[in-house]
Structures are given as C-alpha cells and as structure tokens.
Amino acid sequence: MNHQDTKTPRDPLHPDLDRLARAVVDAAYRVHSTLGPGLLESVYEACLCHELTKRRIPFARQVVYPVLYDGIRIEGGMRLDLLVDGRLIVELKTAERHNPVFDAQLLTYLKLTGCRLGLLINFNVPQIKQGIRRLVL
C-alpha cells in the first residue's frame, strides 16, 4: 500500500489501532473495487459507512467538532468525515490529484482532536492504493 507516515511517532501506535486502520482500508478497497472512481464523495462515504456497519466497526459520520481558540470555544469549527471507534479520523476525497492541503487538513484535525492516526482516502483514482495516505502524530 502507498501509506505514508508523516513522522516517526514518539510512542508506537497500539496494535488495535493499526488493526482498526487496516479494517477501514479493507472496507475502502471493497467500495472502490465495486464502484470504481468518478462518483460524488457523499456516495463513497455512504458506501464506506455501510461496509463499516456490516463489519461491526463503530463510527460516527460528519462529526462536528469545536475549535478552541484564545480561550473561546468555536462550535462547528471543523467537521470530520468519519471518526472510527472514537480514535481514527478518516477524511474522504474525490479529487483528480492529491493536494498537500489535504494532508495539512488531516494533520490539523489530528492535532485538535488528540487522535494519533488518520487516513486520507481519495476514491477518484484508478487503483485505491494510490489514493490512501496514512498520517500519524
């Protein structure tokens, strides 16, 4: 797979978190192999959620998360596509090519939520392995 860690983490990830990420990637492979590229992000999101439900993987969809800034709480400051098992952020895209701002967005989400691992999954690629990036704090 074409996963990329952003940097070497201070502490290794818990093996359960790695297994969870692999299960999400496997579900994304299933969706992409069935549908292929070219659909709206919302379609892939719904199908991925269906796959996670079939696999009994807990998740929340379109999670609105507050941002704390200068002592104030800004409600709705960010929206996570998927928060899997309360500890893995999955950001979905349907872009023609990778944009570094996608990584920056996911890294910011990781920092602000305290999560250590995120998956950036772009479904608009010929082979899904080209569209999966793994970012670790």
N, C-alpha and C. Protein backbone atom coordinates (compact mmCIF):
# COMPACT_ATOMS: atom_id res chain seq x y z
N MET A 1 0.83 -1.19 0.00
CA MET A 1 0.00 0.00 0.00
C MET A 1 0.87 1.24 0.00
N ASN A 2 0.30 2.31 -0.42
CA ASN A 2 1.03 3.57 -0.52
C ASN A 2 0.74 4.45 0.69
N HIS A 3 0.92 3.88 1.88
CA HIS A 3 0.67 4.65 3.10
C HIS A 3 1.94 5.42 3.45
N GLN A 4 1.75 6.61 4.00
CA GLN A 4 2.90 7.41 4.38
C GLN A 4 2.68 7.95 5.78
N ASP A 5 3.62 7.67 6.67
CA ASP A 5 3.59 8.27 7.99
C ASP A 5 4.20 9.66 7.88
N THR A 6 3.61 10.63 8.58
CA THR A 6 4.10 11.99 8.48
C THR A 6 5.41 12.16 9.24
N LYS A 7 5.56 11.42 10.31
CA LYS A 7 6.81 11.45 11.06
C LYS A 7 6.82 10.24 11.98
N THR A 8 7.95 9.95 12.56
CA THR A 8 8.04 8.84 13.49
C THR A 8 7.40 9.25 14.80
N PRO A 9 6.37 8.53 15.25
CA PRO A 9 5.72 8.90 16.48
C PRO A 9 6.60 8.64 17.70
N ARG A 10 6.35 9.40 18.76
CA ARG A 10 7.11 9.21 20.00
C ARG A 10 6.86 7.83 20.57
N ASP A 11 5.61 7.42 20.60
CA ASP A 11 5.23 6.10 21.09
C ASP A 11 4.61 5.33 19.94
N PRO A 12 4.88 4.04 19.86
CA PRO A 12 4.26 3.27 18.77
C PRO A 12 2.74 3.27 18.93
N LEU A 13 2.06 3.14 17.81
CA LEU A 13 0.61 3.03 17.85
C LEU A 13 0.21 1.71 18.48
N HIS A 14 -0.89 1.72 19.18
CA HIS A 14 -1.42 0.50 19.78
C HIS A 14 -1.78 -0.47 18.64
N PRO A 15 -1.45 -1.75 18.78
CA PRO A 15 -1.77 -2.71 17.71
C PRO A 15 -3.25 -2.73 17.34
N ASP A 16 -4.14 -2.49 18.30
CA ASP A 16 -5.57 -2.45 17.99
C ASP A 16 -5.91 -1.31 17.04
N LEU A 17 -5.23 -0.18 17.19
CA LEU A 17 -5.47 0.95 16.31
C LEU A 17 -4.98 0.63 14.89
N ASP A 18 -3.85 -0.03 14.79
CA ASP A 18 -3.36 -0.47 13.47
C ASP A 18 -4.34 -1.44 12.81
N ARG A 19 -4.86 -2.38 13.59
CA ARG A 19 -5.83 -3.34 13.05
C ARG A 19 -7.10 -2.63 12.59
N LEU A 20 -7.53 -1.65 13.36
CA LEU A 20 -8.71 -0.87 13.00
C LEU A 20 -8.48 -0.15 11.67
N ALA A 21 -7.32 0.47 11.52
CA ALA A 21 -7.00 1.17 10.27
C ALA A 21 -6.97 0.21 9.09
N ARG A 22 -6.41 -0.97 9.29
CA ARG A 22 -6.38 -1.97 8.21
C ARG A 22 -7.79 -2.39 7.81
N ALA A 23 -8.68 -2.51 8.80
CA ALA A 23 -10.06 -2.90 8.51
C ALA A 23 -10.77 -1.80 7.71
N VAL A 24 -10.51 -0.54 8.03
CA VAL A 24 -11.11 0.57 7.29
C VAL A 24 -10.57 0.59 5.86
N VAL A 25 -9.27 0.39 5.70
CA VAL A 25 -8.67 0.34 4.37
C VAL A 25 -9.27 -0.81 3.56
N ASP A 26 -9.45 -1.96 4.19
CA ASP A 26 -10.06 -3.10 3.51
C ASP A 26 -11.48 -2.77 3.05
N ALA A 27 -12.23 -2.07 3.89
CA ALA A 27 -13.60 -1.65 3.53
C ALA A 27 -13.57 -0.67 2.36
N ALA A 28 -12.60 0.24 2.36
CA ALA A 28 -12.46 1.20 1.26
C ALA A 28 -12.11 0.47 -0.04
N TYR A 29 -11.25 -0.54 0.04
CA TYR A 29 -10.93 -1.36 -1.14
C TYR A 29 -12.19 -1.99 -1.70
N ARG A 30 -13.02 -2.51 -0.82
CA ARG A 30 -14.27 -3.17 -1.25
C ARG A 30 -15.17 -2.17 -1.99
N VAL A 31 -15.33 -0.99 -1.41
CA VAL A 31 -16.18 0.03 -2.03
C VAL A 31 -15.62 0.42 -3.40
N HIS A 32 -14.32 0.70 -3.45
CA HIS A 32 -13.72 1.15 -4.71
C HIS A 32 -13.73 0.05 -5.77
N SER A 33 -13.48 -1.19 -5.37
CA SER A 33 -13.48 -2.28 -6.37
C SER A 33 -14.88 -2.51 -6.92
N THR A 34 -15.89 -2.19 -6.14
CA THR A 34 -17.27 -2.37 -6.60
C THR A 34 -17.72 -1.20 -7.47
N LEU A 35 -17.41 0.03 -7.04
CA LEU A 35 -17.92 1.21 -7.72
C LEU A 35 -16.96 1.86 -8.72
N GLY A 36 -15.66 1.77 -8.44
CA GLY A 36 -14.67 2.46 -9.27
C GLY A 36 -14.68 3.95 -8.99
N PRO A 37 -13.86 4.72 -9.70
CA PRO A 37 -13.78 6.17 -9.48
C PRO A 37 -14.90 6.92 -10.21
N GLY A 38 -15.05 8.20 -9.86
CA GLY A 38 -15.91 9.07 -10.65
C GLY A 38 -17.22 9.49 -10.01
N LEU A 39 -17.52 9.01 -8.81
CA LEU A 39 -18.77 9.37 -8.16
C LEU A 39 -18.55 10.50 -7.16
N LEU A 40 -19.63 10.99 -6.58
CA LEU A 40 -19.54 12.04 -5.57
C LEU A 40 -18.98 11.48 -4.26
N GLU A 41 -18.30 12.34 -3.53
CA GLU A 41 -17.75 11.95 -2.23
C GLU A 41 -18.83 11.38 -1.32
N SER A 42 -20.01 11.98 -1.35
CA SER A 42 -21.10 11.53 -0.46
C SER A 42 -21.51 10.09 -0.76
N VAL A 43 -21.40 9.65 -2.00
CA VAL A 43 -21.73 8.26 -2.35
C VAL A 43 -20.72 7.31 -1.72
N TYR A 44 -19.44 7.63 -1.87
CA TYR A 44 -18.40 6.78 -1.28
C TYR A 44 -18.52 6.76 0.24
N GLU A 45 -18.83 7.90 0.83
CA GLU A 45 -18.99 7.97 2.27
C GLU A 45 -20.12 7.05 2.73
N ALA A 46 -21.25 7.11 2.07
CA ALA A 46 -22.39 6.27 2.44
C ALA A 46 -22.05 4.78 2.28
N CYS A 47 -21.36 4.44 1.20
CA CYS A 47 -21.00 3.05 0.96
C CYS A 47 -19.95 2.57 1.96
N LEU A 48 -18.98 3.41 2.27
CA LEU A 48 -17.97 3.04 3.27
C LEU A 48 -18.64 2.85 4.63
N CYS A 49 -19.56 3.71 4.98
CA CYS A 49 -20.28 3.56 6.25
C CYS A 49 -21.06 2.25 6.27
N HIS A 50 -21.65 1.89 5.14
CA HIS A 50 -22.36 0.61 5.05
C HIS A 50 -21.39 -0.56 5.29
N GLU A 51 -20.22 -0.49 4.66
CA GLU A 51 -19.21 -1.55 4.85
C GLU A 51 -18.77 -1.63 6.31
N LEU A 52 -18.56 -0.48 6.95
CA LEU A 52 -18.15 -0.49 8.36
C LEU A 52 -19.24 -1.08 9.24
N THR A 53 -20.48 -0.75 8.93
CA THR A 53 -21.61 -1.30 9.69
C THR A 53 -21.67 -2.81 9.54
N LYS A 54 -21.50 -3.31 8.31
CA LYS A 54 -21.50 -4.76 8.08
C LYS A 54 -20.40 -5.44 8.88
N ARG A 55 -19.29 -4.75 9.06
CA ARG A 55 -18.15 -5.33 9.77
C ARG A 55 -18.21 -5.06 11.28
N ARG A 56 -19.28 -4.40 11.71
CA ARG A 56 -19.48 -4.07 13.12
C ARG A 56 -18.37 -3.19 13.69
N ILE A 57 -17.91 -2.28 12.85
CA ILE A 57 -16.89 -1.32 13.27
C ILE A 57 -17.63 -0.03 13.65
N PRO A 58 -17.50 0.40 14.90
CA PRO A 58 -18.22 1.60 15.33
C PRO A 58 -17.63 2.87 14.70
N PHE A 59 -18.52 3.78 14.30
CA PHE A 59 -18.08 5.02 13.69
C PHE A 59 -19.15 6.09 13.88
N ALA A 60 -18.73 7.33 13.73
CA ALA A 60 -19.65 8.46 13.68
C ALA A 60 -19.36 9.18 12.38
N ARG A 61 -20.42 9.67 11.75
CA ARG A 61 -20.33 10.29 10.43
C ARG A 61 -20.58 11.79 10.54
N GLN A 62 -19.78 12.58 9.82
CA GLN A 62 -19.93 14.04 9.78
C GLN A 62 -19.95 14.63 11.20
N VAL A 63 -18.90 14.33 11.93
CA VAL A 63 -18.78 14.74 13.33
C VAL A 63 -18.38 16.21 13.40
N VAL A 64 -19.25 17.01 13.97
CA VAL A 64 -18.96 18.43 14.17
C VAL A 64 -18.15 18.56 15.45
N TYR A 65 -17.01 19.19 15.33
CA TYR A 65 -16.07 19.28 16.44
C TYR A 65 -15.73 20.74 16.70
N PRO A 66 -15.77 21.16 17.96
CA PRO A 66 -15.45 22.56 18.25
C PRO A 66 -13.95 22.83 18.15
N VAL A 67 -13.61 24.07 17.92
CA VAL A 67 -12.21 24.52 17.93
C VAL A 67 -12.04 25.48 19.10
N LEU A 68 -11.00 25.24 19.89
CA LEU A 68 -10.69 26.15 20.98
C LEU A 68 -9.63 27.13 20.51
N TYR A 69 -9.93 28.41 20.63
CA TYR A 69 -9.00 29.44 20.17
C TYR A 69 -9.03 30.60 21.15
N ASP A 70 -7.86 30.93 21.67
CA ASP A 70 -7.70 32.10 22.53
C ASP A 70 -8.73 32.11 23.66
N GLY A 71 -8.93 30.93 24.24
CA GLY A 71 -9.83 30.83 25.38
C GLY A 71 -11.30 30.77 25.04
N ILE A 72 -11.64 30.77 23.76
CA ILE A 72 -13.05 30.65 23.40
C ILE A 72 -13.28 29.36 22.63
N ARG A 73 -14.49 28.88 22.72
CA ARG A 73 -14.89 27.65 22.03
C ARG A 73 -15.72 28.04 20.81
N ILE A 74 -15.24 27.65 19.64
CA ILE A 74 -15.93 27.94 18.38
C ILE A 74 -16.64 26.67 17.96
N GLU A 75 -17.96 26.68 18.13
CA GLU A 75 -18.76 25.50 17.78
C GLU A 75 -18.75 25.30 16.27
N GLY A 76 -18.68 24.06 15.87
CA GLY A 76 -18.71 23.75 14.44
C GLY A 76 -17.46 24.19 13.70
N GLY A 77 -16.36 24.31 14.42
CA GLY A 77 -15.12 24.77 13.81
C GLY A 77 -14.55 23.83 12.77
N MET A 78 -14.88 22.55 12.91
CA MET A 78 -14.43 21.57 11.90
C MET A 78 -15.42 20.42 11.87
N ARG A 79 -15.41 19.72 10.74
CA ARG A 79 -16.32 18.58 10.55
C ARG A 79 -15.49 17.41 10.04
N LEU A 80 -15.47 16.34 10.81
CA LEU A 80 -14.75 15.14 10.44
C LEU A 80 -15.66 14.26 9.59
N ASP A 81 -15.16 13.78 8.46
CA ASP A 81 -15.99 12.90 7.62
C ASP A 81 -16.40 11.67 8.43
N LEU A 82 -15.40 10.97 8.99
CA LEU A 82 -15.68 9.80 9.83
C LEU A 82 -14.75 9.80 11.02
N LEU A 83 -15.29 9.48 12.16
CA LEU A 83 -14.50 9.22 13.36
C LEU A 83 -14.79 7.77 13.72
N VAL A 84 -13.79 6.91 13.51
CA VAL A 84 -13.98 5.48 13.67
C VAL A 84 -13.51 5.06 15.06
N ASP A 85 -14.43 4.45 15.77
CA ASP A 85 -14.17 3.94 17.13
C ASP A 85 -13.64 5.03 18.05
N GLY A 86 -13.97 6.27 17.77
CA GLY A 86 -13.57 7.39 18.62
C GLY A 86 -12.09 7.71 18.61
N ARG A 87 -11.32 7.07 17.70
CA ARG A 87 -9.87 7.28 17.74
C ARG A 87 -9.16 7.29 16.39
N LEU A 88 -9.87 7.08 15.33
CA LEU A 88 -9.28 7.09 13.99
C LEU A 88 -10.09 8.04 13.12
N ILE A 89 -9.42 9.06 12.58
CA ILE A 89 -10.09 10.02 11.70
C ILE A 89 -9.91 9.57 10.26
N VAL A 90 -11.01 9.54 9.53
CA VAL A 90 -10.98 9.19 8.11
C VAL A 90 -11.53 10.38 7.33
N GLU A 91 -10.69 10.93 6.48
CA GLU A 91 -11.07 12.06 5.63
C GLU A 91 -11.18 11.55 4.21
N LEU A 92 -12.32 11.77 3.59
CA LEU A 92 -12.59 11.25 2.25
C LEU A 92 -12.48 12.36 1.22
N LYS A 93 -11.99 12.00 0.04
CA LYS A 93 -11.86 12.94 -1.08
C LYS A 93 -12.25 12.25 -2.37
N THR A 94 -12.58 13.07 -3.37
CA THR A 94 -12.78 12.58 -4.74
C THR A 94 -12.11 13.60 -5.67
N ALA A 95 -10.81 13.74 -5.51
CA ALA A 95 -10.04 14.74 -6.25
C ALA A 95 -9.29 14.09 -7.40
N GLU A 96 -9.06 14.89 -8.45
CA GLU A 96 -8.30 14.38 -9.60
C GLU A 96 -6.86 14.07 -9.24
N ARG A 97 -6.30 14.87 -8.33
CA ARG A 97 -4.92 14.63 -7.89
C ARG A 97 -4.79 15.03 -6.44
N HIS A 98 -3.76 14.51 -5.82
CA HIS A 98 -3.52 14.82 -4.41
C HIS A 98 -3.09 16.28 -4.27
N ASN A 99 -3.62 16.93 -3.27
CA ASN A 99 -3.25 18.30 -2.95
C ASN A 99 -2.66 18.30 -1.54
N PRO A 100 -1.48 18.88 -1.33
CA PRO A 100 -0.86 18.89 0.01
C PRO A 100 -1.76 19.49 1.09
N VAL A 101 -2.73 20.32 0.70
CA VAL A 101 -3.63 20.89 1.71
C VAL A 101 -4.49 19.79 2.34
N PHE A 102 -4.72 18.68 1.64
CA PHE A 102 -5.47 17.57 2.22
C PHE A 102 -4.72 17.00 3.43
N ASP A 103 -3.40 16.83 3.28
CA ASP A 103 -2.58 16.36 4.41
C ASP A 103 -2.63 17.36 5.56
N ALA A 104 -2.48 18.63 5.22
CA ALA A 104 -2.49 19.67 6.25
C ALA A 104 -3.81 19.67 7.02
N GLN A 105 -4.91 19.51 6.28
CA GLN A 105 -6.23 19.46 6.91
C GLN A 105 -6.32 18.30 7.90
N LEU A 106 -5.92 17.12 7.47
CA LEU A 106 -5.99 15.95 8.34
C LEU A 106 -5.05 16.08 9.54
N LEU A 107 -3.86 16.61 9.31
CA LEU A 107 -2.93 16.81 10.43
C LEU A 107 -3.52 17.79 11.45
N THR A 108 -4.17 18.83 10.99
CA THR A 108 -4.81 19.77 11.90
C THR A 108 -5.91 19.07 12.69
N TYR A 109 -6.71 18.26 12.02
CA TYR A 109 -7.75 17.51 12.71
C TYR A 109 -7.16 16.61 13.78
N LEU A 110 -6.05 15.95 13.45
CA LEU A 110 -5.40 15.07 14.43
C LEU A 110 -4.93 15.87 15.65
N LYS A 111 -4.28 16.99 15.39
CA LYS A 111 -3.78 17.82 16.49
C LYS A 111 -4.90 18.33 17.38
N LEU A 112 -5.97 18.81 16.76
CA LEU A 112 -7.04 19.43 17.54
C LEU A 112 -7.92 18.42 18.28
N THR A 113 -7.98 17.19 17.79
CA THR A 113 -8.80 16.17 18.45
C THR A 113 -8.00 15.32 19.43
N GLY A 114 -6.68 15.32 19.28
CA GLY A 114 -5.85 14.45 20.12
C GLY A 114 -5.75 13.03 19.58
N CYS A 115 -6.31 12.78 18.41
CA CYS A 115 -6.17 11.46 17.79
C CYS A 115 -4.76 11.32 17.24
N ARG A 116 -4.26 10.10 17.18
CA ARG A 116 -2.90 9.87 16.69
C ARG A 116 -2.84 9.46 15.22
N LEU A 117 -3.92 8.85 14.71
CA LEU A 117 -3.87 8.25 13.38
C LEU A 117 -5.03 8.73 12.53
N GLY A 118 -4.71 9.05 11.27
CA GLY A 118 -5.74 9.45 10.32
C GLY A 118 -5.49 8.80 8.98
N LEU A 119 -6.57 8.55 8.27
CA LEU A 119 -6.49 8.03 6.91
C LEU A 119 -7.11 9.05 5.97
N LEU A 120 -6.40 9.36 4.93
CA LEU A 120 -6.91 10.21 3.86
C LEU A 120 -7.17 9.27 2.68
N ILE A 121 -8.43 9.17 2.27
CA ILE A 121 -8.80 8.23 1.22
C ILE A 121 -9.42 9.00 0.06
N ASN A 122 -8.72 8.98 -1.07
CA ASN A 122 -9.21 9.61 -2.30
C ASN A 122 -9.74 8.50 -3.21
N PHE A 123 -11.04 8.50 -3.45
CA PHE A 123 -11.66 7.47 -4.27
C PHE A 123 -11.55 7.73 -5.77
N ASN A 124 -11.12 8.90 -6.17
CA ASN A 124 -11.06 9.23 -7.59
C ASN A 124 -9.70 8.89 -8.19
N VAL A 125 -9.33 7.62 -8.05
CA VAL A 125 -8.06 7.11 -8.58
C VAL A 125 -8.33 5.78 -9.27
N PRO A 126 -7.48 5.40 -10.24
CA PRO A 126 -7.69 4.12 -10.93
C PRO A 126 -7.61 2.92 -9.99
N GLN A 127 -6.63 2.96 -9.07
CA GLN A 127 -6.46 1.90 -8.07
C GLN A 127 -6.46 2.57 -6.70
N ILE A 128 -7.27 2.05 -5.78
CA ILE A 128 -7.46 2.72 -4.49
C ILE A 128 -6.15 2.83 -3.70
N LYS A 129 -5.23 1.91 -3.89
CA LYS A 129 -3.97 2.00 -3.14
C LYS A 129 -3.23 3.31 -3.46
N GLN A 130 -3.48 3.88 -4.65
CA GLN A 130 -2.87 5.17 -4.99
C GLN A 130 -3.52 6.32 -4.25
N GLY A 131 -4.70 6.10 -3.71
CA GLY A 131 -5.44 7.18 -3.08
C GLY A 131 -5.47 7.14 -1.57
N ILE A 132 -4.70 6.22 -0.95
CA ILE A 132 -4.74 6.08 0.50
C ILE A 132 -3.45 6.59 1.10
N ARG A 133 -3.61 7.51 2.04
CA ARG A 133 -2.46 8.05 2.78
C ARG A 133 -2.76 7.89 4.27
N ARG A 134 -1.74 7.49 5.00
CA ARG A 134 -1.84 7.25 6.42
C ARG A 134 -0.98 8.31 7.11
N LEU A 135 -1.57 9.08 7.99
CA LEU A 135 -0.84 10.14 8.69
C LEU A 135 -0.88 9.84 10.19
N VAL A 136 0.28 9.94 10.81
CA VAL A 136 0.44 9.60 12.22
C VAL A 136 1.06 10.77 12.97
N LEU A 137 0.52 11.07 14.12
CA LEU A 137 1.13 12.05 15.03
C LEU A 137 1.84 11.33 16.14
